[in-house]
Amino acid sequence: MPKLSVIMIVKNEEGCLADCLTSVCAVADEIVVVDTGSTDDTIAIAKSFDATVVEMKWEDDFAVARNRSIAAATGDWLLHLDADEVLDDDGMLRIRQLVDNDGEGADAVELVLANYCDDARAWRWVPVAKGDDRARGFSGYLPVGLLRLFRNGQGYEYREPVHENITESVVEAGGVIHSLDVVIHHYGYEPAAEKNQAKADLYLRIAREKVAAHPKDLKALADFAEQVNACGLVADA
């Protein structure tokens, strides 16, 4: 039977990591957590779920950290999650079924990331039904299709230091990509404003460095424009 490894990178996520791991521990054969310098109880929480914890120095490159998690995983299939995400209950069973059937003809699978927020003016914003506990008080979400489930041992790798993605690598390797209507609930806008600002500043700095290194790369420019806009620098965007 194919094995499923959940792979993550984390830093100081004691407030949300347990919820994330609880949502996948029943179907994951292995959990790999790459910690990039936590000073809170993140590592202890990960180990309480029998996760394999790999500690590494943060290098200002999300792709490098993601690839470290791939290198440490032993499963036949890998599911990428972040600590502020929770896999939907129904989706958990569907993913397990797909892995047990060795991908059902796919080498990689796009899932739906539901980014909860209250910005009704945002493009693609979808309101949630009143009383939906999964929204955790948010009024809506932004659905984004992302490649989050893929075969291990195929040479797939994450690229780009910020807004990292693995899709380009899968396509280059000739991997078959399917889509699955499975939702990952993302609560990344939930922390305090101070934490949000620190995260935005980090992304902006890395995006700025990427543009400086590749000034004619349209993807780098688009990512930079998106980040300066998120930081409120509309004219620069």
Foldseek 3Di string as FASTA:
>chain_A
DFAEEEFEEDAQLVPQQLQACVQALVQHPAYEYEYAYHPDCVVVSCVVSVHHYHYDHDDLAPQVSRVVRLVPDDTQKYFYDYRQKHWDNVLNVVVSVCVVVVNVQFFWEWEKEWEFAAPPVDPQWDADDPPPVLNVPGGTTHIDTATGMGGHPQPFGWDARPPIHRVVRCVVSVTGYYYDHTYMYGHVVPDDPVVVVVVLVSQLVSLVVVCVVPVPDPVSVVSNQVSVVVVVVPVVD
